[in-house]
Protein backbone atom coordinates (compact mmCIF):
# COMPACT_ATOMS: atom_id res chain seq x y z
CA UNK A 1 -8.46 -7.79 -27.83
CA UNK A 2 -5.66 -7.55 -30.42
CA UNK A 3 -2.26 -9.10 -29.85
CA UNK A 4 -0.82 -5.59 -30.70
CA UNK A 5 -2.69 -3.79 -28.25
CA UNK A 6 -1.87 -6.11 -25.51
CA UNK A 7 1.90 -5.96 -26.50
CA UNK A 8 1.68 -2.06 -26.11
CA UNK A 9 -0.08 -2.26 -22.85
CA UNK A 10 2.53 -4.47 -21.33
CA UNK A 11 5.35 -2.29 -22.84
CA UNK A 12 4.00 0.65 -21.54
CA UNK A 13 3.28 -1.11 -18.09
CA UNK A 14 6.66 -2.22 -17.86
CA UNK A 15 8.29 1.23 -18.72
CA UNK A 16 6.03 3.13 -15.95
CA UNK A 17 6.95 0.31 -13.47
CA UNK A 18 10.58 0.42 -13.90
CA UNK A 19 11.19 4.01 -14.52
CA UNK A 20 13.16 5.54 -11.73
CA UNK A 21 12.74 2.59 -9.57
CA UNK A 22 16.08 3.44 -8.11
CA UNK A 23 15.40 7.12 -7.53
CA UNK A 24 13.18 7.56 -4.57
CA UNK A 25 15.01 7.08 -1.23
CA UNK A 26 13.50 4.57 1.22
CA UNK A 27 11.05 5.54 3.81
CA UNK A 28 10.20 3.99 7.27
CA UNK A 29 8.38 0.86 6.17
CA UNK A 30 10.83 0.07 3.21
CA UNK A 31 13.74 0.24 5.68
CA UNK A 32 11.95 -2.02 8.02
CA UNK A 33 11.71 -4.48 5.07
CA UNK A 34 15.29 -4.09 4.42
CA UNK A 35 16.36 -4.58 8.01
CA UNK A 36 14.21 -7.78 8.23
CA UNK A 37 15.56 -9.27 4.86
CA UNK A 38 19.07 -8.97 6.27
CA UNK A 39 18.56 -11.04 9.32
CA UNK A 40 19.16 -14.70 9.66
CA UNK A 41 16.02 -16.53 8.64
CA UNK A 42 14.73 -17.67 12.23
CA UNK A 43 15.50 -13.96 13.65
CA UNK A 44 13.52 -12.60 10.57
CA UNK A 45 10.39 -14.94 11.28
CA UNK A 46 10.51 -13.90 15.08
CA UNK A 47 10.64 -10.20 14.28
CA UNK A 48 7.63 -10.80 11.81
CA UNK A 49 5.67 -12.60 14.46
CA UNK A 50 6.14 -9.30 16.57
CA UNK A 51 4.93 -7.16 13.66
CA UNK A 52 1.35 -6.57 12.37
CA UNK A 53 1.97 -8.45 9.01
CA UNK A 54 2.16 -12.27 8.09
CA UNK A 55 5.73 -13.41 6.73
CA UNK A 56 5.20 -14.22 3.21
CA UNK A 57 6.54 -11.24 1.64
CA UNK A 58 9.60 -10.93 3.78
CA UNK A 59 10.46 -14.53 2.87
CA UNK A 60 10.06 -13.40 -0.74
CA UNK A 61 12.73 -10.62 -0.35
CA UNK A 62 14.79 -12.49 2.20
CA UNK A 63 17.33 -14.16 -0.45
CA UNK A 64 18.04 -10.58 -1.90
CA UNK A 65 18.58 -9.19 1.51
CA UNK A 66 21.12 -11.87 2.41
CA UNK A 67 23.07 -10.47 -0.41
CA UNK A 68 23.03 -7.14 1.08
CA UNK A 69 21.22 -5.72 -2.12
CA UNK A 70 20.27 -2.12 -2.01
CA UNK A 71 16.75 -0.93 -1.40
CA UNK A 72 16.09 -0.47 -5.09
CA UNK A 73 16.80 -4.21 -5.83
CA UNK A 74 14.29 -5.15 -3.09
CA UNK A 75 11.65 -3.14 -5.09
CA UNK A 76 12.09 -5.32 -8.35
CA UNK A 77 9.95 -8.25 -7.25
CA UNK A 78 7.05 -5.66 -6.44
CA UNK A 79 7.51 -4.39 -9.92
CA UNK A 80 7.39 -7.66 -11.72
CA UNK A 81 4.42 -8.79 -9.49
CA UNK A 82 2.41 -5.60 -10.53
CA UNK A 83 3.42 -6.17 -14.14
CA UNK A 84 1.85 -9.89 -13.93
CA UNK A 85 -1.04 -8.25 -12.44
CA UNK A 86 -1.73 -6.70 -15.61
CA UNK A 87 -2.03 -10.13 -17.17
CA UNK A 88 -4.17 -11.64 -14.67
CA UNK A 89 -6.49 -8.78 -14.89
CA UNK A 90 -6.69 -9.27 -18.67
CA UNK A 91 -7.80 -12.97 -18.26
CA UNK A 92 -10.31 -11.85 -15.40
CA UNK A 93 -11.85 -9.19 -17.90
CA UNK A 94 -12.21 -12.07 -20.58
CA UNK A 95 -13.58 -14.45 -18.06
CA UNK A 96 -16.31 -11.99 -17.11
CA UNK A 97 -17.16 -11.64 -20.93
CA UNK A 98 -17.22 -7.92 -20.65
CA UNK A 99 -17.60 -5.74 -23.89
CA UNK A 100 -14.35 -5.19 -25.74
CA UNK A 101 -14.43 -1.30 -24.98
CA UNK A 102 -14.78 -1.83 -21.43
CA UNK A 103 -11.98 -4.44 -21.43
CA UNK A 104 -9.79 -2.10 -23.24
CA UNK A 105 -10.50 0.96 -20.97
CA UNK A 106 -10.15 -1.10 -17.80
CA UNK A 107 -6.78 -2.57 -18.91
CA UNK A 108 -5.64 0.99 -19.69
CA UNK A 109 -6.53 2.25 -16.40
CA UNK A 110 -4.73 -0.66 -14.66
CA UNK A 111 -1.61 -0.07 -16.60
CA UNK A 112 -1.28 3.63 -16.04
CA UNK A 113 -3.10 4.59 -12.71
CA UNK A 114 -0.70 6.04 -10.21
CA UNK A 115 -1.69 4.06 -7.36
CA UNK A 116 -0.61 1.02 -9.43
CA UNK A 117 2.67 2.69 -10.02
CA UNK A 118 3.10 3.64 -6.56
CA UNK A 119 2.84 0.02 -5.02
CA UNK A 120 5.03 -1.31 -8.05
CA UNK A 121 8.00 0.74 -6.78
CA UNK A 122 7.74 0.16 -3.13
CA UNK A 123 9.47 -2.66 -1.15
CA UNK A 124 6.45 -3.61 0.53
CA UNK A 125 3.92 -6.49 0.41
CA UNK A 126 0.88 -4.68 -1.43
CA UNK A 127 1.90 -5.68 -4.97
CA UNK A 128 2.02 -9.22 -4.01
CA UNK A 129 -1.40 -8.85 -2.34
CA UNK A 130 -2.89 -7.41 -5.40
CA UNK A 131 -1.42 -10.21 -7.37
CA UNK A 132 -2.85 -13.01 -5.00
CA UNK A 133 -6.07 -11.31 -5.06
CA UNK A 134 -6.34 -11.51 -9.03
CA UNK A 135 -4.96 -14.95 -9.06
CA UNK A 136 -7.53 -16.40 -6.48
CA UNK A 137 -10.44 -14.46 -8.38
CA UNK A 138 -9.28 -15.80 -11.82
CA UNK A 139 -8.86 -19.41 -10.16
CA UNK A 140 -12.44 -19.01 -8.81
CA UNK A 141 -13.96 -17.90 -12.24
CA UNK A 142 -12.28 -20.78 -13.90
CA UNK A 143 -13.14 -23.24 -11.26
CA UNK A 144 -9.65 -24.39 -10.93
CA UNK A 145 -9.97 -25.13 -7.05
CA UNK A 146 -6.37 -26.20 -6.38
CA UNK A 147 -4.99 -22.88 -7.74
CA UNK A 148 -7.77 -20.90 -5.84
CA UNK A 149 -6.99 -22.63 -2.28
CA UNK A 150 -3.26 -22.04 -2.92
CA UNK A 151 -3.73 -18.40 -3.83
CA UNK A 152 -5.89 -17.93 -0.76
CA UNK A 153 -3.44 -19.55 1.55
CA UNK A 154 -0.70 -17.28 0.27
CA UNK A 155 -2.82 -14.41 0.36
CA UNK A 156 -3.46 -14.99 4.14
CA UNK A 157 0.31 -15.35 4.86
CA UNK A 158 0.96 -11.93 2.85
CA UNK A 159 -1.85 -9.46 4.55
CA UNK A 160 -4.59 -10.09 6.95
CA UNK A 161 -7.04 -8.03 4.70
CA UNK A 162 -6.97 -11.39 2.75
CA UNK A 163 -9.88 -12.61 5.05
CA UNK A 164 -11.85 -9.70 3.51
CA UNK A 165 -10.89 -10.59 0.10
CA UNK A 166 -11.56 -14.25 0.21
CA UNK A 167 -15.03 -13.45 1.70
CA UNK A 168 -15.83 -11.27 -1.54
CA UNK A 169 -14.60 -13.93 -3.73
CA UNK A 170 -16.35 -16.56 -1.97
CA UNK A 171 -19.57 -14.59 -2.53
CA UNK A 172 -18.78 -14.00 -6.06
CA UNK A 173 -18.54 -17.72 -6.35
CA UNK A 174 -22.02 -18.25 -4.79
CA UNK A 175 -23.89 -15.60 -6.80
CA UNK A 176 -22.43 -17.28 -10.10
CA UNK A 177 -23.88 -20.53 -9.64
CA UNK A 178 -27.11 -21.12 -10.82
CA UNK A 179 -30.11 -20.74 -8.38
CA UNK A 180 -31.20 -24.36 -8.57
CA UNK A 181 -27.53 -25.52 -7.59
CA UNK A 182 -27.70 -28.12 -4.68
CA UNK A 183 -26.50 -26.79 -1.24
CA UNK A 184 -24.03 -29.77 -1.22
CA UNK A 185 -22.50 -28.65 -4.42
CA UNK A 186 -21.30 -25.50 -2.82
CA UNK A 187 -19.24 -27.56 -0.26
CA UNK A 188 -17.22 -29.30 -3.13
CA UNK A 189 -16.90 -25.99 -5.23
CA UNK A 190 -16.32 -23.25 -2.67
CA UNK A 191 -16.50 -24.54 0.90
CA UNK A 192 -13.80 -27.23 0.88
CA UNK A 193 -11.18 -25.10 -1.14
CA UNK A 194 -11.76 -22.33 1.18
CA UNK A 195 -11.54 -24.37 4.44
CA UNK A 196 -8.07 -25.82 2.82
CA UNK A 197 -6.80 -22.30 2.64
CA UNK A 198 -7.57 -21.43 6.06
CA UNK A 199 -6.02 -24.88 7.02
CA UNK A 200 -2.94 -24.14 5.56
CA UNK A 201 -2.89 -21.02 7.43
CA UNK A 202 -3.52 -22.66 10.98
CA UNK A 203 0.37 -22.82 11.97
CA UNK A 204 0.19 -19.18 12.08
CA UNK A 205 -3.12 -18.69 13.96
CA UNK A 206 -1.32 -18.43 17.21
CA UNK A 207 0.95 -15.81 16.24
CA UNK A 208 -2.01 -13.87 14.54
CA UNK A 209 -3.78 -13.87 17.91
CA UNK A 210 -0.99 -12.42 19.69
CA UNK A 211 -0.41 -9.73 17.09
CA UNK A 212 -4.18 -8.69 17.16
CA UNK A 213 -3.81 -8.45 21.08
CA UNK A 214 -0.70 -6.14 20.65
CA UNK A 215 -2.55 -4.25 18.02
CA UNK A 216 -5.51 -3.58 20.14
CA UNK A 217 -3.40 -2.17 22.83
CA UNK A 218 -1.21 0.13 20.69
CA UNK A 219 -2.13 0.49 17.09
CA UNK A 220 -1.17 3.77 15.31
CA UNK A 221 -4.35 3.82 13.29
CA UNK A 222 -7.31 5.90 14.54
CA UNK A 223 -10.75 6.23 12.88
CA UNK A 224 -11.26 9.93 12.21
CA UNK A 225 -14.78 10.04 11.12
CA UNK A 226 -16.98 9.44 8.30
CA UNK A 227 -14.94 11.87 6.24
CA UNK A 228 -12.19 9.24 6.22
CA UNK A 229 -14.20 6.76 4.27
CA UNK A 230 -14.36 8.62 0.71
CA UNK A 231 -10.55 9.51 1.29
CA UNK A 232 -9.63 5.87 1.60
CA UNK A 233 -11.71 4.81 -1.47
CA UNK A 234 -10.25 7.68 -3.59
CA UNK A 235 -6.64 6.42 -2.53
CA UNK A 236 -7.41 3.03 -4.17
CA UNK A 237 -9.19 4.48 -7.06
CA UNK A 238 -6.43 6.99 -8.24
CA UNK A 239 -3.20 7.58 -6.05
CA UNK A 240 -1.66 7.95 -2.68
CA UNK A 241 -2.03 10.90 -0.40
CA UNK A 242 -0.72 13.96 -1.61
CA UNK A 243 -1.21 17.78 -0.51
CA UNK A 244 -4.79 18.94 -0.53
CA UNK A 245 -4.27 21.42 -3.34
CA UNK A 246 -3.79 18.93 -5.91
CA UNK A 247 -5.80 16.03 -3.85
CA UNK A 248 -9.18 17.80 -3.81
CA UNK A 249 -9.74 18.49 -7.39
CA UNK A 250 -8.65 14.94 -8.20
CA UNK A 251 -11.16 13.49 -5.39
CA UNK A 252 -14.09 15.70 -7.02
CA UNK A 253 -13.37 14.39 -10.33
CA UNK A 254 -12.84 10.68 -9.35
CA UNK A 255 -16.11 10.54 -7.32
CA UNK A 256 -18.02 12.52 -9.84
CA UNK A 257 -16.81 9.78 -12.31
CA UNK A 258 -17.57 6.83 -9.99
CA UNK A 259 -20.87 8.13 -9.13
CA UNK A 260 -21.93 8.38 -12.91
CA UNK A 261 -20.41 4.83 -13.65
CA UNK A 262 -22.59 3.23 -10.74
CA UNK A 263 -25.70 5.09 -12.12
CA UNK A 264 -24.82 4.07 -15.59
CA UNK A 265 -24.27 0.40 -14.61
CA UNK A 266 -27.55 -0.12 -12.55
CA UNK A 267 -29.49 1.67 -15.41
CA UNK A 268 -28.09 -0.39 -18.25
CA UNK A 269 -27.94 -3.59 -16.10
CA UNK A 270 -24.54 -4.39 -17.30
CA UNK A 271 -23.42 -8.22 -17.12
CA UNK A 272 -21.73 -9.64 -13.96
CA UNK A 273 -22.63 -6.30 -12.11
CA UNK A 274 -23.29 -8.27 -8.71
CA UNK A 275 -19.70 -9.84 -8.99
CA UNK A 276 -18.04 -6.55 -9.88
CA UNK A 277 -19.74 -4.60 -6.99
CA UNK A 278 -18.99 -7.53 -4.64
CA UNK A 279 -15.27 -7.67 -5.56
CA UNK A 280 -14.90 -3.72 -5.45
CA UNK A 281 -16.87 -2.98 -2.28
CA UNK A 282 -17.23 -5.78 0.12
CA UNK A 283 -13.73 -5.90 1.33
CA UNK A 284 -13.93 -2.11 1.87
CA UNK A 285 -17.32 -2.50 3.92
CA UNK A 286 -15.80 -5.37 6.06
CA UNK A 287 -12.85 -3.00 6.88
CA UNK A 288 -15.10 -0.31 7.79
CA UNK A 289 -17.39 -2.86 9.94
CA UNK A 290 -14.40 -4.21 11.74
CA UNK A 291 -13.13 -0.60 12.46
CA UNK A 292 -16.54 0.17 13.89
CA UNK A 293 -17.20 -2.82 16.03
CA UNK A 294 -13.72 -3.64 17.20
CA UNK A 295 -10.48 -1.50 16.48
CA UNK A 296 -9.69 0.96 13.50
CA UNK A 297 -8.02 -0.84 10.87
CA UNK A 298 -9.10 0.91 7.78
CA UNK A 299 -6.38 1.99 5.82
CA UNK A 300 -5.82 2.40 2.00
CA UNK A 301 -2.88 0.28 1.54
CA UNK A 302 -4.31 -3.19 2.06
CA UNK A 303 -7.22 -2.34 -0.04
CA UNK A 304 -5.04 -2.12 -3.18
CA UNK A 305 -6.87 -5.41 -4.09
CA UNK A 306 -10.24 -3.56 -4.92
CA UNK A 307 -8.79 -1.20 -7.36
CA UNK A 308 -8.94 -3.22 -10.58
CA UNK A 309 -12.61 -3.61 -9.99
CA UNK A 310 -13.23 -0.27 -9.49
CA UNK A 311 -11.59 0.37 -12.86
CA UNK A 312 -14.06 -1.99 -14.48
CA UNK A 313 -16.76 0.36 -13.11
CA UNK A 314 -15.01 3.47 -14.31
CA UNK A 315 -14.40 1.97 -17.73
CA UNK A 316 -18.16 1.29 -18.43
CA UNK A 317 -19.81 4.74 -19.17
CA UNK A 318 -16.40 6.28 -20.81
CA UNK A 319 -17.43 5.90 -24.48
CA UNK A 320 -21.10 7.01 -24.19
CA UNK A 321 -20.31 9.82 -21.79
CA UNK A 322 -17.58 11.41 -23.59
CA UNK A 323 -19.59 11.33 -26.80
CA UNK A 324 -22.37 12.95 -25.11
CA UNK A 325 -20.19 15.54 -23.83
CA UNK A 326 -18.53 16.31 -27.23
CA UNK A 327 -22.08 16.71 -28.86
CA UNK A 328 -23.15 19.21 -25.80
CA UNK A 329 -19.98 21.14 -25.79
CA UNK A 330 -18.03 23.48 -28.09
CA UNK A 331 -17.78 20.86 -30.63
CA UNK A 332 -21.60 21.35 -31.18
CA UNK A 333 -21.62 25.12 -30.53
CA UNK A 334 -19.11 25.74 -33.16
CA UNK A 335 -20.86 23.84 -35.77
CA UNK A 336 -19.20 20.39 -35.56
CA UNK A 337 -22.40 18.78 -35.07
CA UNK A 338 -22.53 15.45 -36.99
CA UNK A 339 -18.78 15.25 -37.26
CA UNK A 340 -17.54 11.69 -36.57
CA UNK A 341 -15.00 12.51 -33.81
CA UNK A 342 -13.43 9.25 -32.75
CA UNK A 343 -14.31 8.28 -29.16
CA UNK A 344 -10.75 7.23 -28.47
CA UNK A 345 -9.70 10.78 -29.37
CA UNK A 346 -12.12 12.22 -26.94
CA UNK A 347 -10.72 9.75 -24.27
CA UNK A 348 -7.09 10.83 -25.19
CA UNK A 349 -8.21 14.55 -24.90
CA UNK A 350 -10.12 14.42 -21.52
CA UNK A 351 -9.24 11.42 -19.51
CA UNK A 352 -5.50 10.42 -20.55
CA UNK A 353 -4.09 13.75 -19.70
CA UNK A 354 -5.68 13.76 -16.11
CA UNK A 355 -4.10 10.46 -15.44
CA UNK A 356 -0.90 11.33 -16.92
CA UNK A 357 -0.53 14.50 -14.92
CA UNK A 358 -1.41 12.48 -11.81
CA UNK A 359 1.38 9.87 -12.82
CA UNK A 360 3.96 12.59 -13.07
CA UNK A 361 2.59 14.06 -9.71
CA UNK A 362 3.21 10.47 -8.14
CA UNK A 363 6.90 10.58 -9.17
CA UNK A 364 7.12 13.98 -7.92
CA UNK A 365 5.66 13.10 -4.64
CA UNK A 366 7.36 9.92 -4.14
CA UNK A 367 10.80 11.46 -4.35
CA UNK A 368 10.60 13.85 -1.32
CA UNK A 369 8.24 11.93 0.72
CA UNK A 370 9.76 8.61 0.74
CA UNK A 371 12.43 9.73 2.88
CA UNK A 372 12.43 10.87 6.47
CA UNK A 373 14.39 13.39 8.61
CA UNK A 374 16.53 10.47 9.99
CA UNK A 375 17.92 9.97 6.45
CA UNK A 376 19.01 13.65 6.05
CA UNK A 377 20.56 13.55 9.88
CA UNK A 378 22.63 10.54 9.10
CA UNK A 379 24.29 12.31 6.16
CA UNK A 380 25.05 15.11 8.51
CA UNK A 381 26.27 12.93 11.08
CA UNK A 382 28.60 10.93 9.01
CA UNK A 383 30.10 14.00 7.78
CA UNK A 384 30.97 15.47 11.09
CA UNK A 385 31.68 11.97 12.97
CA UNK A 386 34.49 11.78 15.64
CA UNK A 387 35.85 8.79 17.43
CA UNK A 388 33.94 8.26 20.59
CA UNK A 389 30.63 9.44 19.05
CA UNK A 390 27.45 7.47 19.11
CA UNK A 391 23.93 7.78 17.61
CA UNK A 392 21.04 7.85 20.09
CA UNK A 393 17.26 7.91 18.66
CA UNK A 394 14.40 8.60 20.92
CA UNK A 395 12.05 6.87 18.21
CA UNK A 396 11.64 3.79 16.47
CA UNK A 397 11.54 6.01 13.19
CA UNK A 398 14.93 7.49 13.74
CA UNK A 399 16.56 4.02 14.46
CA UNK A 400 14.76 2.17 11.56
CA UNK A 401 15.71 4.92 9.06
CA UNK A 402 19.33 4.93 9.98
CA UNK A 403 20.18 1.53 10.89
CA UNK A 404 20.34 0.02 7.50
CA UNK A 405 22.92 2.50 6.36
CA UNK A 406 24.92 2.93 9.51
CA UNK A 407 27.88 0.90 10.82
CA UNK A 408 28.50 3.23 13.81
CA UNK A 409 27.23 2.58 17.43
CA UNK A 410 23.53 3.31 17.49
CA UNK A 411 21.29 3.03 20.45
CA UNK A 412 17.36 3.55 21.10
CA UNK A 413 16.03 5.37 24.29
CA UNK A 414 13.46 3.73 26.42
CA UNK A 415 10.17 4.88 25.62
CA UNK A 416 8.82 7.36 27.92
CA UNK A 417 5.13 6.34 27.48
CA UNK A 418 2.86 4.32 25.02
CA UNK A 419 3.64 5.59 21.61
CA UNK A 420 1.14 4.27 19.09
CA UNK A 421 2.66 2.23 16.29
CA UNK A 422 5.82 1.44 17.99
CA UNK A 423 7.83 -1.82 17.50
CA UNK A 424 6.89 -4.77 19.75
CA UNK A 425 9.26 -5.81 22.38
CA UNK A 426 9.81 -9.16 20.42
CA UNK A 427 10.47 -7.49 17.26
CA UNK A 428 13.06 -5.14 18.81
CA UNK A 429 14.91 -8.02 20.26
CA UNK A 430 14.78 -9.97 16.86
CA UNK A 431 16.24 -6.89 14.73
CA UNK A 432 18.99 -6.28 17.45
CA UNK A 433 17.91 -2.96 18.76
CA UNK A 434 19.68 -1.95 21.82
CA UNK A 435 17.68 -0.06 24.16
CA UNK A 436 19.82 1.94 26.70
CA UNK A 437 19.21 5.24 28.89
CA UNK A 438 21.56 7.70 27.78
CA UNK A 439 23.12 7.66 31.33
CA UNK A 440 24.23 4.21 31.08
CA UNK A 441 26.44 4.75 28.06
CA UNK A 442 30.16 5.58 27.45
CA UNK A 443 30.44 8.19 24.71
CA UNK A 444 32.44 11.44 23.97
CA UNK A 445 29.60 13.04 22.02
CA UNK A 446 26.18 11.87 21.33
CA UNK A 447 24.11 12.57 18.03
CA UNK A 448 20.52 12.80 19.34
CA UNK A 449 17.70 12.22 16.81
CA UNK A 450 14.34 13.27 18.15
CA UNK A 451 10.90 13.84 16.58
CA UNK A 452 7.46 14.98 17.67
CA UNK A 453 4.24 13.85 15.80
CA UNK A 454 0.51 13.42 16.59
CA UNK A 455 1.34 9.84 17.89
CA UNK A 456 4.11 11.20 20.12
CA UNK A 457 3.15 10.87 24.02
CA UNK A 458 3.02 14.17 25.96
CA UNK A 459 6.10 13.11 28.11
CA UNK A 460 8.35 13.22 24.87
CA UNK A 461 8.38 16.96 25.10
CA UNK A 462 10.48 16.46 28.36
CA UNK A 463 13.17 14.19 26.85
CA UNK A 464 15.51 16.56 25.55
CA UNK A 465 15.45 19.06 28.38
CA UNK A 466 16.01 16.07 30.68
CA UNK A 467 19.52 15.49 29.16
CA UNK A 468 20.19 19.39 28.85
CA UNK A 469 19.38 20.10 25.27
CA UNK A 470 17.09 22.94 24.00
CA UNK A 471 14.20 21.46 21.91
CA UNK A 472 14.46 24.78 19.98
CA UNK A 473 18.00 24.88 19.18
CA UNK A 474 18.88 21.61 17.11
CA UNK A 475 21.89 21.39 15.00
CA UNK A 476 19.84 20.35 12.17
CA UNK A 477 16.20 20.64 11.30
CA UNK A 478 15.10 17.94 9.19
CA UNK A 479 11.18 18.19 9.24
CA UNK A 480 8.94 20.75 10.41
CA UNK A 481 5.13 21.29 9.60
CA UNK A 482 1.76 21.35 11.30
CA UNK A 483 2.09 17.58 12.33
CA UNK A 484 5.96 16.68 12.41
CA UNK A 485 9.00 18.39 13.97
CA UNK A 486 12.13 16.42 13.54
CA UNK A 487 15.64 17.60 14.28
CA UNK A 488 19.37 16.44 15.30
CA UNK A 489 20.85 17.64 18.39
CA UNK A 490 24.58 17.13 19.40
CA UNK A 491 25.25 16.43 23.12
CA UNK A 492 28.81 16.82 24.66
CA UNK A 493 29.66 14.42 27.42
CA UNK A 494 29.68 16.16 30.78
């Protein structure tokens, strides 16, 4: 692969990952990252221990939070890690000794796929997770066992799906060894470094057990059926969720492309196919298995680490398939049979526009959807604020989305029932959330933030009437569709 091409790839990747980094308003998860990064270190770790994630990412952005950096600054580490992942992926492609045209196509996909850009511009741990998956994979391929166990240990402290990735990478290491390799050698090469990684993670094991107990009793994610499986896979192939009008055609194109790629790979018996399939599908399969036998945990976000290996599969048939398409299409009908149309031109005509349109739609999607009704509500409150006012949120969503930007008194209502996905008691205490019944507060006016969603318990419908507010007469409706109803109410103290 030429140096000039690599420079262009890295330049394009950098522009796409840094473009409009500051534009999209923060959404719930990013605001939670912002809140944790601004806490003292001990409280930040305590808040993380009550969450569903390990602490490494929060430790990474913690110094920025201590400077009270805005949310777009907290997105910079993710953008830089995503860009570094391009370099790691290039090295993995070389280690796998793939044909040059496959390396080229896969690297282009890694550089411009919208799902990669989406995570590069989000103040969450998923770019770090993908970086560590690729680092561990490259270390295993090169048999750099010190780097391998370090990358695996850091992965475990980043996201719990790391267990699935380590399993996949371990299996790749096994299948890449010659058949006559003595059993004892696997201990030295793979088992011992993997055990070292889990040993390094052992101080967090007690916390993990407690988190899994809390998760089982009230996790927000639910397994909705077999139809969820292709959706999750698509979201790691191409892009995050969007509206059905744009998503369904893209899903059809992507799965047709992936199906053809798999058929092509098996028919041509491509090199390292077992390793590629293992890295692309084993973590996904393990997440599905755990969701079936224990608790629904299948989600597209922590599966970002399989995306680069799916791109390798997609890259294999591009040249041959597009050339066959050109010969059987209007190029042939109109008498261009035999004309040497460059294959790269065909890629530019048929594949690149599809991806670029999706990239544009990703930016358009991210801007309005990375915010919440609470952000709009806060702007309205601040414009109409009077002495003696308080802000009163009935949901964690409202509190988390307003607290980083609000210096006024703000309280959270006690939960009327079990709300899936709510913050744990220990996390609420660590982040300083004040939970009070409205009757126990002194105020002149209360700005009430309330929302209803599929996760909301039935008793939530009675919360506003109980304090004398009409759910159908908010001061401001901030979201209203078939799934969500968010609004702002003003309560005068009686």
